[in-house]
Amino acid sequence: MTFAWYGHLKYVKSTPVYWAILISWGIAFFEYCLQVPANRIGFGHMTLPQLKVSQEIITMVVFSVFAVFYMRVQLTKNFFFASLCLVLAAYFIFKDAAAK
């Protein structure tokens, strides 16, 4: 979803908004075709909160690679701290499952 949501920003001045919408929806449709079955499979092995936290961590990793290599954005220490918060969220959300 990262590319569908943010990829068009690189060409914001040269691409009409309707093209950005159509292309983004096309990318999002393909990604949803993968995400929905993945959630259904994962729900058998993880709780709903665990699925959500896992998705957020994957999103943050994908977004950081996208931001650095495609959009040429420099990551800051605050981005690192936000990522650390997600790691802590994963620790706490999976802690209950590990105790069982």
N, C-alpha and C. Protein backbone atom coordinates (compact mmCIF):
# COMPACT_ATOMS: atom_id res chain seq x y z
N MET A 1 0.81 -1.19 0.00
CA MET A 1 0.00 0.00 0.00
C MET A 1 0.85 1.26 0.00
N THR A 2 2.08 1.12 0.43
CA THR A 2 2.96 2.29 0.49
C THR A 2 3.08 2.96 -0.86
N PHE A 3 3.33 2.16 -1.89
CA PHE A 3 3.49 2.75 -3.22
C PHE A 3 2.17 3.33 -3.73
N ALA A 4 1.07 2.65 -3.45
CA ALA A 4 -0.24 3.17 -3.89
C ALA A 4 -0.55 4.50 -3.21
N TRP A 5 -0.19 4.64 -1.95
CA TRP A 5 -0.52 5.85 -1.21
C TRP A 5 0.45 6.99 -1.47
N TYR A 6 1.73 6.69 -1.61
CA TYR A 6 2.75 7.75 -1.64
C TYR A 6 3.56 7.83 -2.93
N GLY A 7 3.53 6.81 -3.77
CA GLY A 7 4.36 6.78 -4.98
C GLY A 7 4.09 7.93 -5.93
N HIS A 8 2.83 8.35 -6.01
CA HIS A 8 2.46 9.43 -6.94
C HIS A 8 3.01 10.78 -6.50
N LEU A 9 3.42 10.92 -5.25
CA LEU A 9 3.91 12.22 -4.76
C LEU A 9 5.21 12.64 -5.44
N LYS A 10 5.96 11.67 -5.94
CA LYS A 10 7.19 11.99 -6.64
C LYS A 10 6.90 12.76 -7.94
N TYR A 11 5.72 12.56 -8.49
CA TYR A 11 5.35 13.19 -9.76
C TYR A 11 4.14 14.11 -9.60
N VAL A 12 3.99 14.70 -8.43
CA VAL A 12 2.79 15.48 -8.13
C VAL A 12 2.61 16.68 -9.08
N LYS A 13 3.68 17.23 -9.58
CA LYS A 13 3.57 18.41 -10.45
C LYS A 13 3.36 18.05 -11.91
N SER A 14 3.68 16.81 -12.28
CA SER A 14 3.59 16.46 -13.69
C SER A 14 2.46 15.48 -14.02
N THR A 15 1.78 14.94 -13.01
CA THR A 15 0.72 13.98 -13.24
C THR A 15 -0.61 14.51 -12.72
N PRO A 16 -1.64 14.49 -13.57
CA PRO A 16 -2.96 14.94 -13.10
C PRO A 16 -3.47 14.03 -11.97
N VAL A 17 -4.25 14.60 -11.08
CA VAL A 17 -4.71 13.86 -9.91
C VAL A 17 -5.56 12.65 -10.30
N TYR A 18 -6.33 12.74 -11.37
CA TYR A 18 -7.16 11.59 -11.74
C TYR A 18 -6.31 10.40 -12.15
N TRP A 19 -5.16 10.62 -12.78
CA TRP A 19 -4.25 9.51 -13.12
C TRP A 19 -3.66 8.91 -11.85
N ALA A 20 -3.29 9.77 -10.92
CA ALA A 20 -2.73 9.28 -9.65
C ALA A 20 -3.76 8.41 -8.93
N ILE A 21 -5.03 8.84 -8.95
CA ILE A 21 -6.08 8.07 -8.29
C ILE A 21 -6.27 6.71 -8.98
N LEU A 22 -6.37 6.70 -10.29
CA LEU A 22 -6.58 5.45 -11.01
C LEU A 22 -5.42 4.48 -10.83
N ILE A 23 -4.21 4.98 -10.94
CA ILE A 23 -3.04 4.11 -10.78
C ILE A 23 -2.95 3.60 -9.35
N SER A 24 -3.18 4.49 -8.39
CA SER A 24 -3.12 4.08 -6.98
C SER A 24 -4.18 3.03 -6.66
N TRP A 25 -5.38 3.19 -7.17
CA TRP A 25 -6.43 2.20 -6.93
C TRP A 25 -6.09 0.87 -7.59
N GLY A 26 -5.46 0.91 -8.74
CA GLY A 26 -5.04 -0.33 -9.40
C GLY A 26 -3.99 -1.07 -8.58
N ILE A 27 -3.03 -0.33 -8.06
CA ILE A 27 -2.00 -0.94 -7.21
C ILE A 27 -2.63 -1.47 -5.93
N ALA A 28 -3.49 -0.69 -5.33
CA ALA A 28 -4.12 -1.09 -4.07
C ALA A 28 -4.97 -2.35 -4.27
N PHE A 29 -5.68 -2.44 -5.38
CA PHE A 29 -6.49 -3.64 -5.64
C PHE A 29 -5.62 -4.88 -5.65
N PHE A 30 -4.49 -4.82 -6.35
CA PHE A 30 -3.58 -5.97 -6.40
C PHE A 30 -3.06 -6.31 -5.01
N GLU A 31 -2.70 -5.30 -4.24
CA GLU A 31 -2.18 -5.54 -2.89
C GLU A 31 -3.26 -6.12 -1.98
N TYR A 32 -4.50 -5.64 -2.11
CA TYR A 32 -5.59 -6.20 -1.31
C TYR A 32 -5.85 -7.66 -1.68
N CYS A 33 -5.66 -8.00 -2.95
CA CYS A 33 -5.84 -9.39 -3.36
C CYS A 33 -4.84 -10.31 -2.66
N LEU A 34 -3.72 -9.77 -2.22
CA LEU A 34 -2.75 -10.55 -1.46
C LEU A 34 -2.99 -10.43 0.04
N GLN A 35 -3.37 -9.24 0.49
CA GLN A 35 -3.49 -8.98 1.93
C GLN A 35 -4.68 -9.70 2.56
N VAL A 36 -5.81 -9.71 1.90
CA VAL A 36 -7.00 -10.34 2.48
C VAL A 36 -6.77 -11.83 2.73
N PRO A 37 -6.28 -12.60 1.76
CA PRO A 37 -6.01 -14.00 2.05
C PRO A 37 -4.92 -14.18 3.13
N ALA A 38 -3.93 -13.31 3.13
CA ALA A 38 -2.88 -13.41 4.16
C ALA A 38 -3.46 -13.21 5.55
N ASN A 39 -4.37 -12.25 5.70
CA ASN A 39 -5.02 -12.03 6.99
C ASN A 39 -5.87 -13.23 7.40
N ARG A 40 -6.56 -13.82 6.45
CA ARG A 40 -7.40 -14.97 6.77
C ARG A 40 -6.54 -16.16 7.20
N ILE A 41 -5.41 -16.35 6.57
CA ILE A 41 -4.50 -17.43 6.97
C ILE A 41 -3.88 -17.11 8.33
N GLY A 42 -3.41 -15.89 8.49
CA GLY A 42 -2.75 -15.49 9.73
C GLY A 42 -3.66 -15.50 10.93
N PHE A 43 -4.95 -15.23 10.72
CA PHE A 43 -5.90 -15.20 11.83
C PHE A 43 -6.05 -16.56 12.50
N GLY A 44 -5.72 -17.60 11.81
CA GLY A 44 -5.75 -18.93 12.41
C GLY A 44 -4.58 -19.18 13.33
N HIS A 45 -3.54 -18.36 13.22
CA HIS A 45 -2.33 -18.56 14.00
C HIS A 45 -2.04 -17.42 14.97
N MET A 46 -2.62 -16.26 14.72
CA MET A 46 -2.40 -15.07 15.55
C MET A 46 -3.74 -14.46 15.93
N THR A 47 -3.71 -13.68 16.99
CA THR A 47 -4.91 -12.93 17.36
C THR A 47 -5.02 -11.71 16.45
N LEU A 48 -6.18 -11.08 16.47
CA LEU A 48 -6.39 -9.88 15.67
C LEU A 48 -5.40 -8.77 16.03
N PRO A 49 -5.18 -8.48 17.34
CA PRO A 49 -4.19 -7.45 17.67
C PRO A 49 -2.77 -7.82 17.21
N GLN A 50 -2.43 -9.08 17.27
CA GLN A 50 -1.12 -9.51 16.79
C GLN A 50 -0.98 -9.30 15.29
N LEU A 51 -2.04 -9.60 14.55
CA LEU A 51 -2.02 -9.36 13.10
C LEU A 51 -1.81 -7.88 12.80
N LYS A 52 -2.52 -7.01 13.54
CA LYS A 52 -2.43 -5.57 13.29
C LYS A 52 -1.04 -5.04 13.60
N VAL A 53 -0.48 -5.43 14.73
CA VAL A 53 0.86 -4.96 15.08
C VAL A 53 1.88 -5.47 14.08
N SER A 54 1.75 -6.73 13.67
CA SER A 54 2.66 -7.27 12.65
C SER A 54 2.56 -6.49 11.36
N GLN A 55 1.34 -6.15 10.96
CA GLN A 55 1.12 -5.37 9.74
C GLN A 55 1.77 -4.00 9.84
N GLU A 56 1.67 -3.37 11.00
CA GLU A 56 2.26 -2.04 11.19
C GLU A 56 3.79 -2.10 11.11
N ILE A 57 4.37 -3.14 11.66
CA ILE A 57 5.83 -3.28 11.60
C ILE A 57 6.28 -3.51 10.16
N ILE A 58 5.57 -4.38 9.45
CA ILE A 58 5.91 -4.60 8.04
C ILE A 58 5.76 -3.31 7.25
N THR A 59 4.69 -2.56 7.52
CA THR A 59 4.46 -1.29 6.84
C THR A 59 5.60 -0.31 7.11
N MET A 60 6.06 -0.23 8.35
CA MET A 60 7.13 0.70 8.70
C MET A 60 8.44 0.32 8.00
N VAL A 61 8.73 -0.96 7.92
CA VAL A 61 9.95 -1.41 7.23
C VAL A 61 9.85 -1.09 5.74
N VAL A 62 8.72 -1.44 5.13
CA VAL A 62 8.53 -1.16 3.70
C VAL A 62 8.57 0.33 3.43
N PHE A 63 7.92 1.11 4.30
CA PHE A 63 7.91 2.56 4.12
C PHE A 63 9.31 3.15 4.23
N SER A 64 10.10 2.68 5.16
CA SER A 64 11.46 3.23 5.30
C SER A 64 12.30 2.94 4.07
N VAL A 65 12.20 1.73 3.53
CA VAL A 65 12.93 1.41 2.29
C VAL A 65 12.43 2.28 1.15
N PHE A 66 11.10 2.41 1.03
CA PHE A 66 10.50 3.25 0.00
C PHE A 66 10.95 4.71 0.13
N ALA A 67 10.92 5.23 1.36
CA ALA A 67 11.28 6.64 1.58
C ALA A 67 12.73 6.92 1.22
N VAL A 68 13.61 6.02 1.59
CA VAL A 68 15.04 6.24 1.36
C VAL A 68 15.41 6.02 -0.11
N PHE A 69 14.99 4.91 -0.69
CA PHE A 69 15.47 4.56 -2.02
C PHE A 69 14.62 5.13 -3.16
N TYR A 70 13.32 5.31 -2.96
CA TYR A 70 12.48 5.83 -4.05
C TYR A 70 12.26 7.33 -3.93
N MET A 71 11.92 7.79 -2.75
CA MET A 71 11.62 9.21 -2.56
C MET A 71 12.85 10.02 -2.15
N ARG A 72 13.95 9.36 -1.85
CA ARG A 72 15.21 10.03 -1.46
C ARG A 72 15.04 10.89 -0.21
N VAL A 73 14.33 10.36 0.78
CA VAL A 73 14.12 11.05 2.05
C VAL A 73 15.12 10.50 3.06
N GLN A 74 15.71 11.38 3.81
CA GLN A 74 16.66 10.95 4.83
C GLN A 74 15.87 10.62 6.11
N LEU A 75 16.13 9.44 6.67
CA LEU A 75 15.46 9.06 7.90
C LEU A 75 16.12 9.77 9.08
N THR A 76 15.31 10.16 10.04
CA THR A 76 15.81 10.90 11.20
C THR A 76 15.79 10.02 12.44
N LYS A 77 16.34 10.53 13.51
CA LYS A 77 16.34 9.77 14.76
C LYS A 77 14.91 9.59 15.26
N ASN A 78 14.03 10.53 14.99
CA ASN A 78 12.63 10.38 15.41
C ASN A 78 11.96 9.21 14.70
N PHE A 79 12.32 8.96 13.45
CA PHE A 79 11.81 7.79 12.74
C PHE A 79 12.30 6.53 13.44
N PHE A 80 13.54 6.54 13.86
CA PHE A 80 14.09 5.40 14.61
C PHE A 80 13.31 5.18 15.90
N PHE A 81 13.04 6.25 16.63
CA PHE A 81 12.30 6.13 17.89
C PHE A 81 10.87 5.64 17.65
N ALA A 82 10.24 6.09 16.59
CA ALA A 82 8.90 5.61 16.25
C ALA A 82 8.95 4.11 15.94
N SER A 83 9.97 3.69 15.24
CA SER A 83 10.14 2.26 14.94
C SER A 83 10.36 1.46 16.21
N LEU A 84 11.12 2.03 17.12
CA LEU A 84 11.35 1.38 18.41
C LEU A 84 10.03 1.20 19.16
N CYS A 85 9.15 2.18 19.09
CA CYS A 85 7.83 2.06 19.72
C CYS A 85 7.05 0.88 19.13
N LEU A 86 7.17 0.67 17.81
CA LEU A 86 6.50 -0.47 17.19
C LEU A 86 7.10 -1.79 17.66
N VAL A 87 8.41 -1.81 17.84
CA VAL A 87 9.05 -3.02 18.37
C VAL A 87 8.53 -3.30 19.78
N LEU A 88 8.41 -2.27 20.58
CA LEU A 88 7.86 -2.45 21.93
C LEU A 88 6.40 -2.90 21.87
N ALA A 89 5.64 -2.36 20.93
CA ALA A 89 4.25 -2.79 20.76
C ALA A 89 4.21 -4.29 20.42
N ALA A 90 5.09 -4.73 19.56
CA ALA A 90 5.15 -6.15 19.21
C ALA A 90 5.50 -6.99 20.44
N TYR A 91 6.44 -6.51 21.22
CA TYR A 91 6.82 -7.24 22.44
C TYR A 91 5.61 -7.42 23.34
N PHE A 92 4.89 -6.35 23.62
CA PHE A 92 3.77 -6.43 24.54
C PHE A 92 2.59 -7.22 23.97
N ILE A 93 2.33 -7.10 22.67
CA ILE A 93 1.17 -7.78 22.09
C ILE A 93 1.43 -9.29 21.98
N PHE A 94 2.69 -9.68 21.79
CA PHE A 94 3.02 -11.10 21.69
C PHE A 94 3.41 -11.71 23.04
N LYS A 95 3.63 -10.88 24.05
CA LYS A 95 4.05 -11.35 25.38
C LYS A 95 3.01 -12.30 25.98
N ASP A 96 1.72 -11.97 25.85
CA ASP A 96 0.68 -12.82 26.39
C ASP A 96 0.68 -14.20 25.73
N ALA A 97 0.90 -14.24 24.42
CA ALA A 97 0.89 -15.51 23.70
C ALA A 97 2.09 -16.37 24.12
N ALA A 98 3.22 -15.73 24.39
CA ALA A 98 4.41 -16.49 24.79
C ALA A 98 4.26 -17.08 26.18
N ALA A 99 3.46 -16.43 27.03
CA ALA A 99 3.28 -16.90 28.40
C ALA A 99 2.38 -18.12 28.47
N LYS A 100 1.58 -18.36 27.45
CA LYS A 100 0.63 -19.49 27.47
C LYS A 100 1.30 -20.79 27.16
